[in-house]
C-alpha atoms as a PDB file:
ATOM      1  CA  MET A   1      37.463  -6.226   7.846  1.00  0.00           C
ATOM      2  CA  ALA A   2      35.708  -3.300   6.159  1.00  0.00           C
ATOM      3  CA  VAL A   3      33.039  -3.671   3.493  1.00  0.00           C
ATOM      4  CA  PHE A   4      31.244  -1.470   1.011  1.00  0.00           C
ATOM      5  CA  GLN A   5      28.017  -3.080  -0.163  1.00  0.00           C
ATOM      6  CA  PHE A   6      25.104  -2.314  -2.471  1.00  0.00           C
ATOM      7  CA  GLY A   7      22.121  -4.195  -3.885  1.00  0.00           C
ATOM      8  CA  GLY A   8      18.339  -4.257  -3.938  1.00  0.00           C
ATOM      9  CA  GLY A   9      15.510  -5.005  -1.538  1.00  0.00           C
ATOM     10  CA  TRP A  10      11.907  -6.083  -1.952  1.00  0.00           C
ATOM     11  CA  SER A  11       8.833  -7.304  -0.095  1.00  0.00           C
ATOM     12  CA  ASP A  12       5.248  -8.318  -0.822  1.00  0.00           C
ATOM     13  CA  GLU A  13       3.576  -8.057   2.563  1.00  0.00           C
ATOM     14  CA  ALA A  14      -0.109  -7.562   3.356  1.00  0.00           C
ATOM     15  CA  VAL A  15      -1.602  -4.455   4.935  1.00  0.00           C
ATOM     16  CA  ASN A  16      -4.589  -5.340   7.130  1.00  0.00           C
ATOM     17  CA  TYR A  17      -7.435  -3.092   8.256  1.00  0.00           C
ATOM     18  CA  SER A  18      -9.733  -3.253  11.268  1.00  0.00           C
ATOM     19  CA  PRO A  19     -12.444  -0.814  12.486  1.00  0.00           C
ATOM     20  CA  ASN A  20     -12.060   0.931  15.835  1.00  0.00           C
ATOM     21  CA  ASP A  21     -15.686   1.928  16.447  1.00  0.00           C
ATOM     22  CA  PRO A  22     -19.265   1.232  15.311  1.00  0.00           C
ATOM     23  CA  ALA A  23     -19.241   4.020  12.682  1.00  0.00           C
ATOM     24  CA  SER A  24     -16.154   2.744  10.864  1.00  0.00           C
ATOM     25  CA  ALA A  25     -17.522  -0.807  11.183  1.00  0.00           C
ATOM     26  CA  LEU A  26     -20.435   0.266   8.972  1.00  0.00           C
ATOM     27  CA  ILE A  27     -17.919   0.923   6.161  1.00  0.00           C
ATOM     28  CA  PHE A  28     -16.075  -2.351   6.713  1.00  0.00           C
ATOM     29  CA  ASN A  29     -19.270  -4.422   6.861  1.00  0.00           C
ATOM     30  CA  GLY A  30     -20.706  -2.847   3.720  1.00  0.00           C
ATOM     31  CA  ASN A  31     -23.844  -1.409   5.311  1.00  0.00           C
ATOM     32  CA  ALA A  32     -23.017   2.260   5.768  1.00  0.00           C
ATOM     33  CA  LEU A  33     -25.790   2.985   3.239  1.00  0.00           C
ATOM     34  CA  PHE A  34     -28.529   0.836   1.792  1.00  0.00           C
ATOM     35  CA  PHE A  35     -27.716   1.532  -1.860  1.00  0.00           C
ATOM     36  CA  GLY A  36     -25.936  -1.638  -2.948  1.00  0.00           C
ATOM     37  CA  ASN A  37     -22.613  -0.852  -1.306  1.00  0.00           C
ATOM     38  CA  GLN A  38     -19.875  -3.462  -0.864  1.00  0.00           C
ATOM     39  CA  PRO A  39     -17.640  -4.246   2.142  1.00  0.00           C
ATOM     40  CA  LEU A  40     -14.269  -2.531   2.257  1.00  0.00           C
ATOM     41  CA  SER A  41     -11.383  -4.950   1.690  1.00  0.00           C
ATOM     42  CA  THR A  42      -9.683  -5.692   5.009  1.00  0.00           C
ATOM     43  CA  SER A  43      -6.415  -6.959   3.471  1.00  0.00           C
ATOM     44  CA  TYR A  44      -4.317  -6.536   0.337  1.00  0.00           C
ATOM     45  CA  ARG A  45      -0.646  -6.695  -0.526  1.00  0.00           C
ATOM     46  CA  ILE A  46       1.920  -3.924  -1.048  1.00  0.00           C
ATOM     47  CA  SER A  47       4.839  -4.653  -3.380  1.00  0.00           C
ATOM     48  CA  GLN A  48       7.817  -2.698  -2.042  1.00  0.00           C
ATOM     49  CA  SER A  49      11.158  -2.505  -3.852  1.00  0.00           C
ATOM     50  CA  GLY A  50      14.230  -0.287  -4.270  1.00  0.00           C
ATOM     51  CA  ALA A  51      17.993   0.026  -4.053  1.00  0.00           C
ATOM     52  CA  VAL A  52      20.001  -0.362  -0.833  1.00  0.00           C
ATOM     53  CA  GLY A  53      23.606   0.493  -0.120  1.00  0.00           C
ATOM     54  CA  GLY A  54      25.964   1.279   2.719  1.00  0.00           C
ATOM     55  CA  PHE A  55      28.904  -0.045   4.676  1.00  0.00           C
ATOM     56  CA  GLU A  56      29.831  -2.902   6.974  1.00  0.00           C
ATOM     57  CA  THR A  57      32.633  -3.754   9.371  1.00  0.00           C
ATOM     58  CA  GLY A  58      33.499  -6.813  11.416  1.00  0.00           C
ATOM     59  CA  TYR A  59      36.062  -9.276  12.660  1.00  0.00           C
ATOM     60  CA  ASN A  60      36.708 -12.917  11.732  1.00  0.00           C
ATOM     61  CA  TRP A  61      38.489 -15.755  13.550  1.00  0.00           C
ATOM     62  CA  GLN A  62      39.891 -18.857  11.864  1.00  0.00           C
ATOM     63  CA  ALA A  63      38.572 -21.977  13.648  1.00  0.00           C
ATOM     64  CA  GLY A  64      40.562 -24.940  12.406  1.00  0.00           C
ATOM     65  CA  SER A  65      41.582 -25.364   8.808  1.00  0.00           C
ATOM     66  CA  ASN A  66      38.136 -24.997   7.194  1.00  0.00           C
ATOM     67  CA  TRP A  67      35.940 -22.967   9.551  1.00  0.00           C
ATOM     68  CA  LEU A  68      35.596 -19.235  10.138  1.00  0.00           C
ATOM     69  CA  LEU A  69      33.620 -17.439  12.871  1.00  0.00           C
ATOM     70  CA  GLY A  70      32.914 -13.724  12.969  1.00  0.00           C
ATOM     71  CA  VAL A  71      30.817 -10.799  14.090  1.00  0.00           C
ATOM     72  CA  GLU A  72      29.589  -8.053  11.737  1.00  0.00           C
ATOM     73  CA  THR A  73      27.627  -4.828  11.867  1.00  0.00           C
ATOM     74  CA  ASP A  74      26.260  -2.926   8.887  1.00  0.00           C
ATOM     75  CA  PHE A  75      24.213   0.139   8.001  1.00  0.00           C
ATOM     76  CA  SER A  76      22.361   0.682   4.711  1.00  0.00           C
ATOM     77  CA  PHE A  77      20.391   3.522   3.193  1.00  0.00           C
ATOM     78  CA  SER A  78      17.273   2.294   1.437  1.00  0.00           C
ATOM     79  CA  GLY A  79      15.022   3.427  -1.385  1.00  0.00           C
ATOM     80  CA  MET A  80      12.477   0.653  -0.863  1.00  0.00           C
ATOM     81  CA  ASN A  81       8.877   1.828  -1.173  1.00  0.00           C
ATOM     82  CA  GLY A  82       5.535   0.670  -2.513  1.00  0.00           C
ATOM     83  CA  ARG A  83       1.899   1.730  -2.857  1.00  0.00           C
ATOM     84  CA  ALA A  84      -1.321  -0.226  -3.309  1.00  0.00           C
ATOM     85  CA  SER A  85      -5.077   0.371  -3.237  1.00  0.00           C
ATOM     86  CA  ASN A  86      -8.428  -1.381  -3.172  1.00  0.00           C
ATOM     87  CA  THR A  87     -11.742  -0.309  -4.709  1.00  0.00           C
ATOM     88  CA  SER A  88     -15.369  -1.217  -4.030  1.00  0.00           C
ATOM     89  CA  ILE A  89     -18.824   0.377  -4.310  1.00  0.00           C
ATOM     90  CA  PHE A  90     -19.863   2.681  -1.486  1.00  0.00           C
ATOM     91  CA  ALA A  91     -23.291   3.616  -2.864  1.00  0.00           C
ATOM     92  CA  SER A  92     -25.052   2.672  -6.110  1.00  0.00           C
ATOM     93  CA  PHE A  93     -27.746   4.895  -7.616  1.00  0.00           C
ATOM     94  CA  ALA A  94     -30.193   3.819 -10.344  1.00  0.00           C
ATOM     95  CA  LEU A  95     -29.690   6.927 -12.524  1.00  0.00           C
ATOM     96  CA  ALA A  96     -26.013   7.605 -11.944  1.00  0.00           C
ATOM     97  CA  PRO A  97     -22.643   5.783 -11.809  1.00  0.00           C
ATOM     98  CA  PRO A  98     -21.913   4.452  -8.324  1.00  0.00           C
ATOM     99  CA  VAL A  99     -19.890   6.308  -5.716  1.00  0.00           C
ATOM    100  CA  ILE A 100     -16.651   4.361  -5.345  1.00  0.00           C
ATOM    101  CA  GLN A 101     -14.775   3.912  -2.072  1.00  0.00           C
ATOM    102  CA  GLN A 102     -11.014   3.502  -2.249  1.00  0.00           C
ATOM    103  CA  SER A 103      -8.446   2.737   0.415  1.00  0.00           C
ATOM    104  CA  PHE A 104      -4.792   3.545  -0.296  1.00  0.00           C
ATOM    105  CA  ALA A 105      -1.700   2.338   1.577  1.00  0.00           C
ATOM    106  CA  GLU A 106       1.966   3.266   1.164  1.00  0.00           C
ATOM    107  CA  GLN A 107       4.995   1.687   2.825  1.00  0.00           C
ATOM    108  CA  SER A 108       8.691   2.560   2.763  1.00  0.00           C
ATOM    109  CA  THR A 109      11.983   1.641   4.422  1.00  0.00           C
ATOM    110  CA  ASP A 110      14.303   4.635   4.835  1.00  0.00           C
ATOM    111  CA  TRP A 111      17.316   2.833   6.291  1.00  0.00           C
ATOM    112  CA  TYR A 112      18.233  -0.238   8.278  1.00  0.00           C
ATOM    113  CA  GLY A 113      21.159  -1.806  10.095  1.00  0.00           C
ATOM    114  CA  THR A 114      22.138  -5.115  11.658  1.00  0.00           C
ATOM    115  CA  VAL A 115      24.495  -6.614  14.243  1.00  0.00           C
ATOM    116  CA  ARG A 116      25.120 -10.260  13.372  1.00  0.00           C
ATOM    117  CA  GLY A 117      27.152 -13.332  14.040  1.00  0.00           C
ATOM    118  CA  ARG A 118      28.639 -15.203  11.071  1.00  0.00           C
ATOM    119  CA  ALA A 119      29.805 -18.776  10.614  1.00  0.00           C
ATOM    120  CA  GLY A 120      31.492 -19.961   7.419  1.00  0.00           C
ATOM    121  CA  TRP A 121      33.033 -23.036   5.823  1.00  0.00           C
ATOM    122  CA  LEU A 122      35.893 -22.900   3.346  1.00  0.00           C
ATOM    123  CA  ALA A 123      34.716 -25.017   0.432  1.00  0.00           C
ATOM    124  CA  THR A 124      38.018 -24.222  -1.304  1.00  0.00           C
ATOM    125  CA  PRO A 125      40.972 -22.102  -0.169  1.00  0.00           C
ATOM    126  CA  ASN A 126      39.394 -19.121  -1.998  1.00  0.00           C
ATOM    127  CA  LEU A 127      35.656 -19.752  -1.509  1.00  0.00           C
ATOM    128  CA  LEU A 128      33.769 -19.289   1.764  1.00  0.00           C
ATOM    129  CA  LEU A 129      30.145 -20.410   2.262  1.00  0.00           C
ATOM    130  CA  PHE A 130      28.565 -18.654   5.239  1.00  0.00           C
ATOM    131  CA  GLY A 131      25.392 -18.197   7.240  1.00  0.00           C
ATOM    132  CA  THR A 132      24.602 -15.133   9.327  1.00  0.00           C
ATOM    133  CA  GLY A 133      21.941 -13.841  11.718  1.00  0.00           C
ATOM    134  CA  GLY A 134      21.227 -11.500  14.596  1.00  0.00           C
ATOM    135  CA  PHE A 135      19.719  -8.163  15.596  1.00  0.00           C
ATOM    136  CA  ALA A 136      18.167  -5.705  13.109  1.00  0.00           C
ATOM    137  CA  TYR A 137      16.830  -2.161  13.350  1.00  0.00           C
ATOM    138  CA  GLY A 138      15.530   0.429  10.899  1.00  0.00           C
ATOM    139  CA  ARG A 139      13.314   3.390  10.144  1.00  0.00           C
ATOM    140  CA  VAL A 140      10.068   2.397   8.452  1.00  0.00           C
ATOM    141  CA  ALA A 141       7.161   4.573   7.368  1.00  0.00           C
ATOM    142  CA  GLY A 142       3.574   3.882   6.404  1.00  0.00           C
ATOM    143  CA  SER A 143       0.452   5.817   5.510  1.00  0.00           C
ATOM    144  CA  ALA A 144      -3.148   5.022   4.645  1.00  0.00           C
ATOM    145  CA  ASN A 145      -6.187   7.007   3.547  1.00  0.00           C
ATOM    146  CA  TYR A 146      -9.778   6.514   2.450  1.00  0.00           C
ATOM    147  CA  VAL A 147     -11.671   8.498  -0.189  1.00  0.00           C
ATOM    148  CA  LEU A 148     -15.032   8.442  -2.004  1.00  0.00           C
ATOM    149  CA  ASN A 149     -14.875   9.104  -5.755  1.00  0.00           C
ATOM    150  CA  SER A 150     -17.595   9.921  -8.286  1.00  0.00           C
ATOM    151  CA  THR A 151     -17.711  11.456 -11.757  1.00  0.00           C
ATOM    152  CA  THR A 152     -21.280  12.770 -11.356  1.00  0.00           C
ATOM    153  CA  PHE A 153     -22.224  13.079  -7.684  1.00  0.00           C
ATOM    154  CA  VAL A 154     -21.203  16.255  -5.834  1.00  0.00           C
ATOM    155  CA  GLY A 155     -21.704  16.479  -2.090  1.00  0.00           C
ATOM    156  CA  SER A 156     -21.029  14.727   1.192  1.00  0.00           C
ATOM    157  CA  PHE A 157     -22.022  11.566   3.013  1.00  0.00           C
ATOM    158  CA  GLY A 158     -22.400  11.202   6.767  1.00  0.00           C
ATOM    159  CA  ILE A 159     -21.489   7.948   8.491  1.00  0.00           C
ATOM    160  CA  VAL A 160     -22.873   7.948  12.016  1.00  0.00           C
ATOM    161  CA  ASN A 161     -23.107   5.577  14.953  1.00  0.00           C
ATOM    162  CA  ALA A 162     -23.077   7.884  17.970  1.00  0.00           C
ATOM    163  CA  PRO A 163     -20.887   9.074  19.491  1.00  0.00           C
ATOM    164  CA  PHE A 164     -18.648   8.263  16.500  1.00  0.00           C
ATOM    165  CA  GLY A 165     -19.020   9.698  13.018  1.00  0.00           C
ATOM    166  CA  ALA A 166     -17.395  10.921   9.813  1.00  0.00           C
ATOM    167  CA  THR A 167     -18.326  13.384   7.089  1.00  0.00           C
ATOM    168  CA  CYS A 168     -16.943  12.355   3.691  1.00  0.00           C
ATOM    169  CA  THR A 169     -16.979  14.858   0.826  1.00  0.00           C
ATOM    170  CA  VAL A 170     -16.839  13.106  -2.540  1.00  0.00           C
ATOM    171  CA  ASN A 171     -13.453  13.314  -4.327  1.00  0.00           C
ATOM    172  CA  LEU A 172     -11.666  14.514  -1.180  1.00  0.00           C
ATOM    173  CA  THR A 173      -9.718  12.434   1.357  1.00  0.00           C
ATOM    174  CA  CYS A 174     -12.052  11.401   4.186  1.00  0.00           C
ATOM    175  CA  PHE A 175      -9.807   9.347   6.529  1.00  0.00           C
ATOM    176  CA  ALA A 176      -6.013   9.675   6.798  1.00  0.00           C
ATOM    177  CA  GLY A 177      -3.137   8.525   8.985  1.00  0.00           C
ATOM    178  CA  SER A 178       0.647   8.086   8.817  1.00  0.00           C
ATOM    179  CA  SER A 179       3.643   7.104  10.897  1.00  0.00           C
ATOM    180  CA  SER A 180       7.448   7.039  10.679  1.00  0.00           C
ATOM    181  CA  VAL A 181       9.234   5.122  13.438  1.00  0.00           C
ATOM    182  CA  ILE A 182      12.443   3.257  14.260  1.00  0.00           C
ATOM    183  CA  ARG A 183      11.701  -0.420  14.869  1.00  0.00           C
ATOM    184  CA  THR A 184      13.819  -3.367  15.982  1.00  0.00           C
ATOM    185  CA  GLY A 185      13.735  -7.047  15.078  1.00  0.00           C
ATOM    186  CA  TRP A 186      15.922  -9.781  13.665  1.00  0.00           C
ATOM    187  CA  THR A 187      17.696 -10.855  10.495  1.00  0.00           C
ATOM    188  CA  ALA A 188      19.025 -14.075   8.973  1.00  0.00           C
ATOM    189  CA  GLY A 189      20.706 -15.010   5.703  1.00  0.00           C
ATOM    190  CA  GLY A 190      23.774 -16.349   4.019  1.00  0.00           C
ATOM    191  CA  GLY A 191      26.044 -16.085   1.017  1.00  0.00           C
ATOM    192  CA  LEU A 192      29.350 -16.687  -0.740  1.00  0.00           C
ATOM    193  CA  GLU A 193      32.663 -14.853  -0.392  1.00  0.00           C
ATOM    194  CA  TRP A 194      35.603 -15.120  -2.826  1.00  0.00           C
ATOM    195  CA  LEU A 195      39.182 -14.306  -1.849  1.00  0.00           C
ATOM    196  CA  LEU A 196      40.688 -12.114  -4.599  1.00  0.00           C
ATOM    197  CA  ASP A 197      44.148 -11.620  -3.083  1.00  0.00           C
ATOM    198  CA  GLN A 198      45.792 -11.269   0.321  1.00  0.00           C
ATOM    199  CA  HIS A 199      43.669  -8.271   1.332  1.00  0.00           C
ATOM    200  CA  TRP A 200      40.621  -8.095  -0.967  1.00  0.00           C
ATOM    201  CA  SER A 201      37.566 -10.308  -1.276  1.00  0.00           C
ATOM    202  CA  ALA A 202      34.111 -10.010  -2.873  1.00  0.00           C
ATOM    203  CA  LYS A 203      30.822 -11.446  -1.643  1.00  0.00           C
ATOM    204  CA  VAL A 204      27.193 -11.903  -2.564  1.00  0.00           C
ATOM    205  CA  GLU A 205      24.757 -12.094   0.340  1.00  0.00           C
ATOM    206  CA  TYR A 206      21.038 -12.593   1.003  1.00  0.00           C
ATOM    207  CA  GLN A 207      19.313 -11.156   4.086  1.00  0.00           C
ATOM    208  CA  PHE A 208      15.783 -11.524   5.398  1.00  0.00           C
ATOM    209  CA  VAL A 209      14.899  -8.696   7.800  1.00  0.00           C
ATOM    210  CA  ASP A 210      11.862  -8.741  10.112  1.00  0.00           C
ATOM    211  CA  LEU A 211      11.099  -5.493  11.970  1.00  0.00           C
ATOM    212  CA  GLY A 212       7.709  -6.629  13.266  1.00  0.00           C
ATOM    213  CA  THR A 213       4.377  -4.904  12.688  1.00  0.00           C
ATOM    214  CA  GLU A 214       3.351  -1.247  12.728  1.00  0.00           C
ATOM    215  CA  THR A 215      -0.209  -0.135  13.537  1.00  0.00           C
ATOM    216  CA  ILE A 216      -1.337   3.238  12.167  1.00  0.00           C
ATOM    217  CA  ARG A 217      -4.555   4.907  13.317  1.00  0.00           C
ATOM    218  CA  VAL A 218      -6.457   6.296  10.302  1.00  0.00           C
ATOM    219  CA  THR A 219      -8.908   8.958  11.476  1.00  0.00           C
ATOM    220  CA  ALA A 220     -11.834  10.823   9.923  1.00  0.00           C
ATOM    221  CA  LEU A 221     -10.816  14.366   8.983  1.00  0.00           C
ATOM    222  CA  SER A 222     -14.256  15.864   9.638  1.00  0.00           C
ATOM    223  CA  ILE A 223     -17.401  15.245  11.689  1.00  0.00           C
ATOM    224  CA  ALA A 224     -19.079  18.488  10.651  1.00  0.00           C
ATOM    225  CA  GLY A 225     -22.771  18.669   9.823  1.00  0.00           C
ATOM    226  CA  PHE A 226     -24.239  16.315  12.378  1.00  0.00           C
ATOM    227  CA  GLY A 227     -25.800  19.055  14.516  1.00  0.00           C
ATOM    228  CA  GLY A 228     -27.521  17.603  17.557  1.00  0.00           C
ATOM    229  CA  SER A 229     -27.009  13.945  16.562  1.00  0.00           C
ATOM    230  CA  GLY A 230     -24.679  13.323  19.509  1.00  0.00           C
ATOM    231  CA  VAL A 231     -21.542  12.709  17.393  1.00  0.00           C
ATOM    232  CA  THR A 232     -18.534  13.899  19.395  1.00  0.00           C
ATOM    233  CA  THR A 233     -15.646  11.685  18.219  1.00  0.00           C
ATOM    234  CA  PRO A 234     -14.153  11.148  14.738  1.00  0.00           C
ATOM    235  CA  ALA A 235     -14.463   7.571  13.550  1.00  0.00           C
ATOM    236  CA  SER A 236     -11.214   5.700  12.872  1.00  0.00           C
ATOM    237  CA  PHE A 237      -9.748   2.404  11.785  1.00  0.00           C
ATOM    238  CA  ASN A 238      -6.350   0.732  12.055  1.00  0.00           C
ATOM    239  CA  ALA A 239      -3.980  -0.048   9.189  1.00  0.00           C
ATOM    240  CA  ILE A 240      -1.514  -2.776  10.204  1.00  0.00           C
ATOM    241  CA  PHE A 241       1.727  -3.021   8.210  1.00  0.00           C
ATOM    242  CA  HIS A 242       4.170  -5.942   8.297  1.00  0.00           C
ATOM    243  CA  ASP A 243       7.716  -4.549   8.153  1.00  0.00           C
ATOM    244  CA  ARG A 244       9.530  -7.521   6.594  1.00  0.00           C
ATOM    245  CA  PHE A 245      11.743  -7.436   3.519  1.00  0.00           C
ATOM    246  CA  ASN A 246      14.417  -9.287   1.537  1.00  0.00           C
ATOM    247  CA  VAL A 247      17.805  -7.946   0.423  1.00  0.00           C
ATOM    248  CA  VAL A 248      20.368  -9.268  -2.047  1.00  0.00           C
ATOM    249  CA  ARG A 249      23.622  -7.332  -2.130  1.00  0.00           C
ATOM    250  CA  LEU A 250      27.188  -7.408  -3.374  1.00  0.00           C
ATOM    251  CA  GLY A 251      30.106  -6.413  -1.162  1.00  0.00           C
ATOM    252  CA  LEU A 252      33.784  -5.595  -1.531  1.00  0.00           C
ATOM    253  CA  ASN A 253      35.885  -6.395   1.549  1.00  0.00           C
ATOM    254  CA  TYR A 254      39.286  -5.171   2.639  1.00  0.00           C
ATOM    255  CA  ARG A 255      41.091  -7.287   5.240  1.00  0.00           C
ATOM    256  CA  PHE A 256      43.501  -5.468   7.545  1.00  0.00           C
END
């Protein structure tokens, strides 16, 4: 059996943040400065979506008059991606608009594949209902950054808790990190397949794919300007992405 398949994928998973040192904890706790600043959000959701398409091959065995067992493997290119952000006050001044802190996160799935078992029941001679599940793998990417924005203030802020620190220049990225890796996990789903003639059939299928979690270290880009304060190490925090997504796809099968 050979299959060409295409469809769409989506997810709405949370990205979670956690500080790695006392300096970044000042940002997360909302007490980096004593000017009415707010805690940085430690979790928000990224809506990821896009087209998927590729190919599949496998083999089926008839088990009795109404049951079918099989094994399948597939590979799909993916355009799934999404971006989200969160905003809060870093510092509030009486005679000026506040300096705003923003965290940005982006997530994408470049491609994925599966190796699955399949079990189906012939509801009619031409209609197969099936469930499927097994091993999944794929390349996933994520990035996160942190920036201070202001329409009036020009300058830099220092965030220090020795030996960790960060120098943030307003309207420029202060912390950044990214990763692109191949991850493994599992998949499960099911669908319907219609027999069109002796050799051709069409199917609609749902898959849930879980490739685990990905932790990205987001590091301060500068610690300049602290002089003899004892700061020797850039502050950092972790951005934790959940690499799970849903796929609905159509397939056209040729039976040898």
